[in-house]
Structures are given as C-alpha cells and as structure tokens.
C-alpha cells in the first residue's frame, strides 16, 4: 500500500537555517574579537619593544655621562650612575630578548645590539680604569679618539632599525586586524540580512499554514504546506470512517435564536473535535450538525478501527454528561455509524479552493449505518468489518441486524455496544435519573 512520504517541515528547516546563521554570526563575531585582541596584543608588544630599546639606549647614555663626569672631575660620585646604568641596560636587554624571541630577524638584531653594548661598556670601563690609575690625560685622550662615540652611533643606528622593523610589523598587524574587522562586520551584516529573509519567509510560511489550517484538517494542512504532492494525487488505503449526526436539530433550531444556535453548534463541534483528537482521528469535515471523522490519516495504523469504536463510545458518553448540565437546551441525541475498509483520500481543487475528501463505498456504508441508528433506536452502529478489524480491542458488541442498508442490495451484519454505559443515560430520563448517572462531570 502506498504511503505518503513524510516531508520535513520547511518552517523547521528555515528555523534551523536561521539558528545556524545565528551560530555562524556569533562564531564570526567571537573570532573577530579574538583577532582584534591579538591586534591589541601586537600593539602592546610593539610599544613594549620600543620602550625596552629606549631604556637600553638611555642606560648606555647614562653610563657614558657618568664616565665622562668621572674622567673630567675624578669624583667617584659620578660612578654611581655609571654602575647603575650598567645593570639597567643588561636587565632591559634580557627583557627585550623575551619579547622578540618569536621574531628571528629582531632576535638577530638583538644579538648585535648586545655585542655593541658590551663593547661600548668595555670602552667606558677602560677610560674609568685609566682615570683611577691617575692617568687623566690618557683617559681624556681615549675619549677624544672617538671610539666610544662611533660605537654609540652604531648602537643608535641599530636601535632605529629595530624600531623601524617593529613599526612595520605593527602596521602590518593593524592592517590585518582592520581587514578582519571589515570582514566580521560584512559577515554580521550578511547574516543579519539572511536572518531577516528567513524570518520574513518563516512568517509568510506560518501565515500560509494558518490559512490552510482554516480550510483543511490541521493534521493534513502541514503536508500541503510542505508541498507534499502525494496528497494532491491521492491514494487508496484502508481506514475507519465514522459518521456523526445530531438528532432533532431542526427542533432545536426552531427554539433557539441564531446566536444561541451558533453557540450551541460550536459547543457540539468542540466536543466532537476533542474526542476525535483524543483518539487520533481526523475531522474531515463538519456538515451542519454532523461530522465525518476518519481514522487512518495522515498514515494508517493497525488500531484505526479500534480507535474509531472507542471514539464512538467516548462521544456518546461525553454528550450524555453534557445533557446533565443545565444549559437551557433540550437533551442532545446523536447517531454514530462506523465502517472499515478501502477508500480513496486526497486533496482536490486549486490553491484558491482546496478541499480534502475521502471517497468510496466505505464512506457510503458508514453514512448508511449512521442513518440506520434511528430505525434501531440506538446511538452507535458499526459494521462487522469494523468490529473484526478492531480485534481484541473491540469490546463487547451485539448484533442488531443483517438486513441490507438503505440504497444497498447486499445484506451485512451490524452491531451496537453490548454494555449499557456506552450509550449514557437516556435523553428522556428524568432529572433524578440524570443526577444518578455514572461519570457525570463538568468536563463535558
């Protein structure tokens, strides 16, 4: 038997796509923040390298100043800054090595800088040693020869080169950060646009589904909204069909004004739909004060017939409880006819006018059984096919006839529940009898 292919809801797909887009946007934003943090780290790195280079240069200059002061004056007080500066440039060179350890070019330059700094420090030490030995002229001559100046000039040149290289690295890193930031904003903007499109499409789809649900059973409207063409093509399958009709509705219409009649029929239909949904049935359509309920949609199930029989008993019981309430209307009586067999189901019409329908002899037999409930004075009649299809879940039933139904030539057995509670209290019972009826509940 052909089964409808389950089509995934496009609304769910769009929601999933929207969620995925949101995740992508968050991921891109987080990546951008992380990359910008790396950019900030790069700026701090460059600033620290430049600062360490400046401290090295300043320490060497302070050492040179202290040495010159000592050579000129012979005052040991000038050697205090000289010695402190020696410790400072060594410390800053060590810190500088930590900062440029990941840059081979800068690391090579630092090796040269350390060598020049040590050479310069040695030249300063030589001048200090001559002055301490009393050779003021020799120490002055050493300074005048300019070797220390040439070494210091080489140090300054090397420091400027290292600073320039750091500046170039900083520019490249900032440019990369700017590109990433631009890409992040572009990605965020694209995702926002995508989310807006998805939201608009989802709202349009939700509106379309809501419109379809107004004219088609909600269990089936989603299939059509998902473009399930198998519903348009239709299919043959076994299903249980229940016809429900209210007795004496003409008299009720005469005694109620139109507004009251509308409220009354709405209350009746609400009870039919509640029990149908509870038992897994689909209300195909309401016809005035009657209803056509199908069990086996959108997909057939092994217990379709059993659920249809349970629906009939539940509906009779809830109508009986409804009659116990003093709503100002005459007692409601219903007839339910149920048959199980082969039928055709599908959607017919165009988009402007769609209708789901079930066709076939199974539907006709169910309608005839409902009509026969009047002649037999019972609330429920089910075909032998429905009772047998229900199997062990059918409950207790008694045969009430085998005569051909109206408009048919073939005789068939049909049954009504064999338990008195299934039909509820008689509509003509006295108020005292109704008060004593079992299962009376305001839930009706």
Protein backbone atom coordinates (compact mmCIF):
# COMPACT_ATOMS: atom_id res chain seq x y z
CA UNK A 1 0.00 0.00 0.00
CA UNK A 2 1.28 3.38 -1.00
CA UNK A 3 2.26 5.55 1.97
CA UNK A 4 2.70 9.28 1.97
CA UNK A 5 6.34 10.24 2.18
CA UNK A 6 6.98 12.21 5.34
CA UNK A 7 8.14 15.63 4.24
CA UNK A 8 10.13 17.67 6.69
CA UNK A 9 8.51 20.92 7.57
CA UNK A 10 10.05 23.84 5.72
CA UNK A 11 9.36 26.03 8.71
CA UNK A 12 11.59 23.79 10.82
CA UNK A 13 14.20 23.88 8.05
CA UNK A 14 14.12 27.68 7.97
CA UNK A 15 14.32 27.87 11.74
CA UNK A 16 17.30 25.52 11.65
CA UNK A 17 18.91 27.63 8.94
CA UNK A 18 18.27 30.76 10.98
CA UNK A 19 19.78 29.15 14.07
CA UNK A 20 22.79 28.02 12.03
CA UNK A 21 23.18 31.54 10.65
CA UNK A 22 22.99 32.94 14.17
CA UNK A 23 25.66 30.47 15.31
CA UNK A 24 27.85 31.50 12.37
CA UNK A 25 27.36 35.16 13.22
CA UNK A 26 28.31 34.54 16.84
CA UNK A 27 31.32 32.46 15.77
CA UNK A 28 32.47 35.16 13.33
CA UNK A 29 31.97 37.86 15.95
CA UNK A 30 33.91 35.86 18.54
CA UNK A 31 36.67 35.18 16.01
CA UNK A 32 36.78 38.89 15.21
CA UNK A 33 37.00 39.80 18.88
CA UNK A 34 39.77 37.25 19.39
CA UNK A 35 41.66 38.53 16.36
CA UNK A 36 41.22 42.12 17.48
CA UNK A 37 42.57 41.06 20.86
CA UNK A 38 45.58 39.65 19.05
CA UNK A 39 45.90 43.02 17.32
CA UNK A 40 45.79 44.79 20.67
CA UNK A 41 48.43 42.38 21.96
CA UNK A 42 50.55 43.20 18.91
CA UNK A 43 50.29 46.92 19.67
CA UNK A 44 51.29 46.33 23.28
CA UNK A 45 54.16 44.12 22.06
CA UNK A 46 55.50 46.85 19.78
CA UNK A 47 55.12 49.51 22.46
CA UNK A 48 56.99 47.35 24.96
CA UNK A 49 59.80 46.53 22.50
CA UNK A 50 60.19 50.22 21.65
CA UNK A 51 60.19 51.04 25.35
CA UNK A 52 62.87 48.45 26.13
CA UNK A 53 65.03 49.70 23.26
CA UNK A 54 64.68 53.24 24.57
CA UNK A 55 65.65 52.09 28.08
CA UNK A 56 68.73 50.27 26.76
CA UNK A 57 69.80 53.36 24.86
CA UNK A 58 69.08 55.62 27.84
CA UNK A 59 71.05 53.34 30.20
CA UNK A 60 74.07 53.38 27.88
CA UNK A 61 73.88 57.16 27.59
CA UNK A 62 73.67 57.47 31.39
CA UNK A 63 76.71 55.22 31.71
CA UNK A 64 78.57 57.38 29.20
CA UNK A 65 77.61 60.56 31.10
CA UNK A 66 78.81 59.09 34.40
CA UNK A 67 82.11 58.01 32.84
CA UNK A 68 82.73 61.44 31.31
CA UNK A 69 81.96 63.17 34.60
CA UNK A 70 84.40 60.92 36.46
CA UNK A 71 87.15 61.40 33.85
CA UNK A 72 86.79 65.18 33.94
CA UNK A 73 86.44 65.61 37.73
CA UNK A 74 87.89 62.46 39.19
CA UNK A 75 84.91 62.46 41.58
CA UNK A 76 83.84 58.89 42.44
CA UNK A 77 80.26 60.15 42.87
CA UNK A 78 79.87 60.05 39.09
CA UNK A 79 80.50 56.32 39.11
CA UNK A 80 77.22 55.63 40.97
CA UNK A 81 75.00 56.36 37.93
CA UNK A 82 77.64 54.69 35.75
CA UNK A 83 77.40 51.38 37.61
CA UNK A 84 73.58 51.55 37.96
CA UNK A 85 73.24 52.14 34.23
CA UNK A 86 75.36 49.06 33.51
CA UNK A 87 72.86 46.91 35.45
CA UNK A 88 69.88 48.64 33.80
CA UNK A 89 70.89 48.02 30.19
CA UNK A 90 71.70 44.36 30.94
CA UNK A 91 68.29 43.90 32.55
CA UNK A 92 66.49 45.57 29.66
CA UNK A 93 68.41 43.53 27.10
CA UNK A 94 67.23 40.35 28.86
CA UNK A 95 63.61 41.54 28.85
CA UNK A 96 63.95 42.55 25.22
CA UNK A 97 65.08 39.05 24.31
CA UNK A 98 61.86 37.65 25.82
CA UNK A 99 59.74 39.98 23.70
CA UNK A 100 61.46 39.29 20.35
CA UNK A 101 62.09 35.58 20.85
CA UNK A 102 59.39 34.76 18.23
CA UNK A 103 60.96 37.04 15.59
CA UNK A 104 64.20 35.63 14.13
CA UNK A 105 65.16 38.90 12.42
CA UNK A 106 64.71 41.00 15.54
CA UNK A 107 66.43 38.34 17.60
CA UNK A 108 69.49 38.51 15.31
CA UNK A 109 69.49 42.30 15.62
CA UNK A 110 69.31 41.97 19.39
CA UNK A 111 72.40 39.77 19.38
CA UNK A 112 74.25 42.52 17.50
CA UNK A 113 72.89 45.14 19.90
CA UNK A 114 74.08 43.18 22.93
CA UNK A 115 77.54 42.80 21.40
CA UNK A 116 77.77 46.53 20.66
CA UNK A 117 76.51 47.39 24.16
CA UNK A 118 79.14 45.16 25.75
CA UNK A 119 81.84 46.68 23.53
CA UNK A 120 80.69 50.17 24.49
CA UNK A 121 80.65 49.21 28.17
CA UNK A 122 84.19 47.85 27.82
CA UNK A 123 85.38 51.11 26.28
CA UNK A 124 83.78 53.02 29.15
CA UNK A 125 85.47 50.71 31.67
CA UNK A 126 88.84 51.34 30.00
CA UNK A 127 88.50 55.12 30.42
CA UNK A 128 87.42 54.73 34.07
CA UNK A 129 90.38 52.44 34.76
CA UNK A 130 92.88 54.95 33.29
CA UNK A 131 91.43 57.79 35.37
CA UNK A 132 91.51 55.71 38.56
CA UNK A 133 95.16 54.91 37.83
CA UNK A 134 95.87 58.66 37.79
CA UNK A 135 96.28 58.88 34.02
CA UNK A 136 93.84 61.72 33.46
CA UNK A 137 95.48 62.64 30.18
CA UNK A 138 95.28 59.08 28.91
CA UNK A 139 91.61 58.75 29.78
CA UNK A 140 90.87 62.13 28.14
CA UNK A 141 92.83 61.10 25.06
CA UNK A 142 90.81 57.85 24.87
CA UNK A 143 87.59 59.84 24.85
CA UNK A 144 88.95 62.28 22.29
CA UNK A 145 89.85 59.46 19.88
CA UNK A 146 86.08 58.95 19.41
CA UNK A 147 85.94 55.15 19.52
CA UNK A 148 83.20 55.26 22.13
CA UNK A 149 81.24 57.75 20.04
CA UNK A 150 81.46 55.55 16.96
CA UNK A 151 80.24 52.54 18.94
CA UNK A 152 77.40 54.60 20.41
CA UNK A 153 76.42 55.83 16.94
CA UNK A 154 76.30 52.21 15.73
CA UNK A 155 74.08 51.37 18.70
CA UNK A 156 71.72 54.25 17.89
CA UNK A 157 71.53 53.18 14.25
CA UNK A 158 70.77 49.59 15.23
CA UNK A 159 68.09 50.70 17.70
CA UNK A 160 66.43 52.83 15.00
CA UNK A 161 66.45 49.83 12.63
CA UNK A 162 64.84 47.63 15.25
CA UNK A 163 62.24 50.31 15.99
CA UNK A 164 61.50 50.69 12.28
CA UNK A 165 61.07 46.94 11.92
CA UNK A 166 58.69 46.88 14.89
CA UNK A 167 56.74 49.78 13.38
CA UNK A 168 56.45 47.89 10.08
CA UNK A 169 55.25 44.79 11.92
CA UNK A 170 52.72 46.90 13.82
CA UNK A 171 51.40 48.45 10.60
CA UNK A 172 51.02 45.01 9.03
CA UNK A 173 49.25 43.64 12.09
CA UNK A 174 46.92 46.62 12.32
CA UNK A 175 46.11 46.34 8.63
CA UNK A 176 45.32 42.65 9.11
CA UNK A 177 43.12 43.48 12.10
CA UNK A 178 41.32 46.12 10.04
CA UNK A 179 40.69 43.61 7.26
CA UNK A 180 39.38 41.07 9.74
CA UNK A 181 37.18 43.69 11.40
CA UNK A 182 35.79 44.65 7.99
CA UNK A 183 35.19 41.00 7.17
CA UNK A 184 33.49 40.48 10.54
CA UNK A 185 31.14 43.41 10.01
CA UNK A 186 30.43 42.25 6.47
CA UNK A 187 29.69 38.73 7.72
CA UNK A 188 27.49 40.05 10.52
CA UNK A 189 25.61 42.27 8.07
CA UNK A 190 25.16 39.32 5.69
CA UNK A 191 23.90 37.09 8.50
CA UNK A 192 21.52 39.81 9.71
CA UNK A 193 20.13 40.14 6.19
CA UNK A 194 19.85 36.35 5.96
CA UNK A 195 18.06 36.20 9.31
CA UNK A 196 15.68 38.93 8.16
CA UNK A 197 14.96 37.00 4.96
CA UNK A 198 14.48 33.76 6.89
CA UNK A 199 12.22 35.48 9.42
CA UNK A 200 10.14 37.04 6.64
CA UNK A 201 9.90 33.72 4.83
CA UNK A 202 9.04 31.87 8.03
CA UNK A 203 6.31 34.39 8.86
CA UNK A 204 4.94 34.10 5.35
CA UNK A 205 5.02 30.31 5.62
CA UNK A 206 3.36 30.42 9.04
CA UNK A 207 0.63 32.62 7.58
CA UNK A 208 0.20 30.23 4.69
CA UNK A 209 -0.07 27.28 7.05
CA UNK A 210 -2.55 29.15 9.21
CA UNK A 211 -4.66 29.91 6.14
CA UNK A 212 -4.56 26.27 5.05
CA UNK A 213 -5.44 25.11 8.56
CA UNK A 214 -8.63 27.16 8.38
CA UNK A 215 -9.89 25.11 5.44
CA UNK A 216 -8.16 21.76 5.86
CA UNK A 217 -7.72 19.42 8.84
CA UNK A 218 -4.68 20.61 10.77
CA UNK A 219 -3.19 17.11 10.61
CA UNK A 220 -3.08 17.48 6.81
CA UNK A 221 -2.54 21.19 6.21
CA UNK A 222 1.13 20.91 7.14
CA UNK A 223 1.62 18.26 4.47
CA UNK A 224 0.23 20.54 1.78
CA UNK A 225 2.28 23.47 3.05
CA UNK A 226 5.34 21.24 2.69
CA UNK A 227 4.43 20.70 -0.97
CA UNK A 228 3.56 17.04 -0.46
CA UNK A 229 2.11 16.36 -3.92
CA UNK A 230 1.04 12.86 -2.89
CA UNK A 231 -1.94 14.47 -1.16
CA UNK A 232 -2.97 16.09 -4.42
CA UNK A 233 -2.53 12.86 -6.36
CA UNK A 234 -4.38 10.94 -3.65
CA UNK A 235 -4.10 7.31 -2.62
CA UNK A 236 -6.10 4.23 -1.76
CA UNK A 237 -5.85 2.76 1.69
CA UNK A 238 -7.80 1.07 4.45
CA UNK A 239 -9.29 3.36 7.07
CA UNK A 240 -12.12 3.56 9.59
CA UNK A 241 -14.82 6.14 8.87
CA UNK A 242 -17.22 7.47 11.50
CA UNK A 243 -20.31 9.49 10.59
CA UNK A 244 -21.78 11.54 13.44
CA UNK A 245 -25.18 13.23 13.29
CA UNK A 246 -27.24 15.11 15.86
CA UNK A 247 -30.86 14.08 16.28
CA UNK A 248 -33.63 16.65 16.41
CA UNK A 249 -31.50 19.60 15.33
CA UNK A 250 -34.44 21.05 13.38
CA UNK A 251 -36.48 21.37 16.57
CA UNK A 252 -33.51 22.92 18.34
CA UNK A 253 -33.14 25.47 15.56
CA UNK A 254 -36.78 26.44 15.95
CA UNK A 255 -36.42 27.04 19.70
CA UNK A 256 -33.10 28.95 19.65
CA UNK A 257 -32.31 32.32 18.13
CA UNK A 258 -29.47 32.32 15.55
CA UNK A 259 -26.85 33.50 18.04
CA UNK A 260 -27.78 30.82 20.57
CA UNK A 261 -27.89 28.18 17.83
CA UNK A 262 -24.40 29.18 16.68
CA UNK A 263 -23.03 28.89 20.22
CA UNK A 264 -24.79 25.55 20.68
CA UNK A 265 -23.40 24.04 17.45
CA UNK A 266 -19.93 25.38 18.30
CA UNK A 267 -20.08 23.63 21.68
CA UNK A 268 -21.18 20.40 19.97
CA UNK A 269 -18.40 20.55 17.39
CA UNK A 270 -15.85 21.32 20.07
CA UNK A 271 -16.76 18.08 21.85
CA UNK A 272 -16.56 16.09 18.62
CA UNK A 273 -13.14 17.53 17.82
CA UNK A 274 -11.88 16.96 21.37
CA UNK A 275 -12.77 13.26 21.35
CA UNK A 276 -11.56 12.79 17.77
CA UNK A 277 -8.19 14.30 18.64
CA UNK A 278 -8.01 12.25 21.82
CA UNK A 279 -8.50 9.04 19.82
CA UNK A 280 -6.23 10.07 16.94
CA UNK A 281 -8.95 10.76 14.40
CA UNK A 282 -9.08 13.48 11.76
CA UNK A 283 -12.26 15.51 11.45
CA UNK A 284 -12.54 15.62 7.68
CA UNK A 285 -15.47 17.99 7.67
CA UNK A 286 -18.49 19.23 9.57
CA UNK A 287 -21.78 19.17 7.69
CA UNK A 288 -24.29 21.27 9.61
CA UNK A 289 -24.84 19.35 12.83
CA UNK A 290 -22.97 16.29 11.55
CA UNK A 291 -19.32 15.33 11.22
CA UNK A 292 -17.18 12.96 9.17
CA UNK A 293 -14.22 11.59 11.15
CA UNK A 294 -11.51 9.40 9.61
CA UNK A 295 -9.11 7.13 11.47
CA UNK A 296 -6.01 6.28 9.43
CA UNK A 297 -4.74 9.72 8.47
CA UNK A 298 -2.26 11.05 7.73
CA UNK A 299 -0.87 7.50 7.95
CA UNK A 300 -2.74 4.20 8.50
CA UNK A 301 -2.24 2.46 11.84
CA UNK A 302 -3.06 -1.10 12.93
CA UNK A 303 -5.52 0.13 15.57
CA UNK A 304 -7.52 2.50 13.35
CA UNK A 305 -10.76 0.52 13.73
CA UNK A 306 -10.33 0.09 17.49
CA UNK A 307 -9.78 3.83 17.92
CA UNK A 308 -12.87 4.59 15.83
CA UNK A 309 -15.02 2.34 18.05
CA UNK A 310 -13.56 3.95 21.18
CA UNK A 311 -14.29 7.38 19.69
CA UNK A 312 -17.96 6.49 19.23
CA UNK A 313 -18.34 5.27 22.81
CA UNK A 314 -16.46 8.27 24.24
CA UNK A 315 -18.53 10.72 22.21
CA UNK A 316 -21.83 9.19 23.33
CA UNK A 317 -20.61 9.32 26.94
CA UNK A 318 -19.48 12.95 26.79
CA UNK A 319 -22.75 14.01 25.14
CA UNK A 320 -24.61 12.23 27.95
CA UNK A 321 -22.61 14.19 30.52
CA UNK A 322 -23.29 17.38 28.58
CA UNK A 323 -27.01 16.66 28.88
CA UNK A 324 -26.64 16.57 32.67
CA UNK A 325 -25.68 20.22 32.66
CA UNK A 326 -28.50 22.74 32.84
CA UNK A 327 -27.59 24.73 29.73
CA UNK A 328 -31.17 25.57 28.83
CA UNK A 329 -31.30 23.34 25.73
CA UNK A 330 -33.14 20.12 25.12
CA UNK A 331 -31.21 16.87 25.63
CA UNK A 332 -28.87 16.15 22.73
CA UNK A 333 -29.09 12.81 20.96
CA UNK A 334 -26.61 11.60 18.38
CA UNK A 335 -26.13 8.72 16.00
CA UNK A 336 -22.73 7.32 15.00
CA UNK A 337 -22.11 4.91 12.12
CA UNK A 338 -18.70 3.27 11.62
CA UNK A 339 -17.32 1.15 8.80
CA UNK A 340 -13.80 -0.04 7.99
CA UNK A 341 -12.48 -0.73 4.51
CA UNK A 342 -10.82 0.52 1.36
CA UNK A 343 -11.24 4.16 0.33
CA UNK A 344 -9.63 6.96 -1.63
CA UNK A 345 -8.24 10.03 0.15
CA UNK A 346 -6.66 13.15 -1.25
CA UNK A 347 -6.88 16.90 -1.79
CA UNK A 348 -8.88 18.19 -4.71
CA UNK A 349 -9.21 21.69 -6.09
CA UNK A 350 -6.83 24.56 -6.77
CA UNK A 351 -4.85 26.73 -4.37
CA UNK A 352 -7.71 29.22 -4.19
CA UNK A 353 -10.16 26.49 -3.20
CA UNK A 354 -8.73 23.31 -1.67
CA UNK A 355 -10.69 20.51 -0.09
CA UNK A 356 -9.61 17.25 1.44
CA UNK A 357 -12.00 14.40 0.85
CA UNK A 358 -12.43 10.66 1.33
CA UNK A 359 -14.37 8.72 -1.29
CA UNK A 360 -15.55 5.18 -1.76
CA UNK A 361 -18.02 2.57 -0.62
CA UNK A 362 -16.57 2.59 2.90
CA UNK A 363 -17.72 6.19 3.32
CA UNK A 364 -21.18 5.38 1.96
CA UNK A 365 -21.63 2.39 4.29
CA UNK A 366 -20.65 4.48 7.33
CA UNK A 367 -23.24 7.10 6.34
CA UNK A 368 -25.94 4.44 5.90
CA UNK A 369 -25.10 2.91 9.29
CA UNK A 370 -25.50 6.29 10.96
CA UNK A 371 -28.91 6.68 9.32
CA UNK A 372 -29.87 3.18 10.49
CA UNK A 373 -29.31 4.10 14.15
CA UNK A 374 -32.66 5.92 14.06
CA UNK A 375 -34.58 2.84 12.91
CA UNK A 376 -32.92 0.61 15.51
CA UNK A 377 -33.20 3.14 18.34
CA UNK A 378 -29.51 3.03 19.24
CA UNK A 379 -26.73 5.62 19.31
CA UNK A 380 -23.99 3.54 17.65
CA UNK A 381 -23.94 1.08 14.77
CA UNK A 382 -20.72 -0.46 13.47
CA UNK A 383 -20.18 -2.83 10.60
CA UNK A 384 -18.93 -6.35 11.14
CA UNK A 385 -15.81 -5.36 9.16
CA UNK A 386 -15.04 -2.58 11.65
CA UNK A 387 -15.65 -4.84 14.64
CA UNK A 388 -13.41 -7.58 13.25
CA UNK A 389 -10.68 -5.09 12.27
CA UNK A 390 -10.64 -3.83 15.87
CA UNK A 391 -9.83 -7.37 17.04
CA UNK A 392 -9.47 -7.94 20.76
CA UNK A 393 -9.79 -4.19 21.39
CA UNK A 394 -13.33 -4.11 20.01
CA UNK A 395 -15.05 -4.66 23.36
CA UNK A 396 -18.50 -6.23 23.76
CA UNK A 397 -20.97 -5.78 20.90
CA UNK A 398 -24.27 -7.36 19.97
CA UNK A 399 -25.66 -7.83 16.51
CA UNK A 400 -28.83 -5.84 15.86
CA UNK A 401 -29.49 -6.64 12.22
CA UNK A 402 -28.41 -8.11 8.89
CA UNK A 403 -30.88 -6.50 6.52
CA UNK A 404 -29.45 -4.53 3.57
CA UNK A 405 -28.88 -0.90 4.42
CA UNK A 406 -30.87 1.76 2.60
CA UNK A 407 -29.81 2.03 -1.02
CA UNK A 408 -27.88 -1.26 -0.93
CA UNK A 409 -28.79 -4.78 -2.00
CA UNK A 410 -26.20 -6.82 -0.11
CA UNK A 411 -27.04 -7.83 3.45
CA UNK A 412 -24.42 -7.25 6.12
CA UNK A 413 -24.36 -7.68 9.91
CA UNK A 414 -24.04 -4.59 12.08
CA UNK A 415 -23.63 -4.18 15.81
CA UNK A 416 -24.18 -1.86 18.75
CA UNK A 417 -22.33 -1.80 22.11
CA UNK A 418 -23.42 -4.57 24.46
CA UNK A 419 -22.62 -2.53 27.59
CA UNK A 420 -25.30 -0.13 28.78
CA UNK A 421 -22.83 2.54 29.92
CA UNK A 422 -21.60 3.09 26.37
CA UNK A 423 -24.77 4.91 25.38
CA UNK A 424 -25.04 7.00 28.54
CA UNK A 425 -28.36 7.87 30.18
CA UNK A 426 -31.45 8.02 28.02
CA UNK A 427 -32.26 11.52 26.68
CA UNK A 428 -35.76 11.13 28.07
CA UNK A 429 -34.59 10.28 31.58
CA UNK A 430 -35.82 12.39 34.49
CA UNK A 431 -33.53 14.91 36.20
CA UNK A 432 -33.27 12.47 39.13
CA UNK A 433 -32.13 9.71 36.78
CA UNK A 434 -29.58 12.02 35.19
CA UNK A 435 -28.21 13.05 38.56
CA UNK A 436 -27.65 9.39 39.39
CA UNK A 437 -25.95 8.62 36.05
CA UNK A 438 -22.34 7.42 36.32
CA UNK A 439 -19.34 9.56 35.33
CA UNK A 440 -21.25 12.83 35.49
CA UNK A 441 -18.64 15.54 35.17
CA UNK A 442 -18.41 19.19 34.46
CA UNK A 443 -15.64 18.31 31.99
CA UNK A 444 -18.33 17.68 29.40
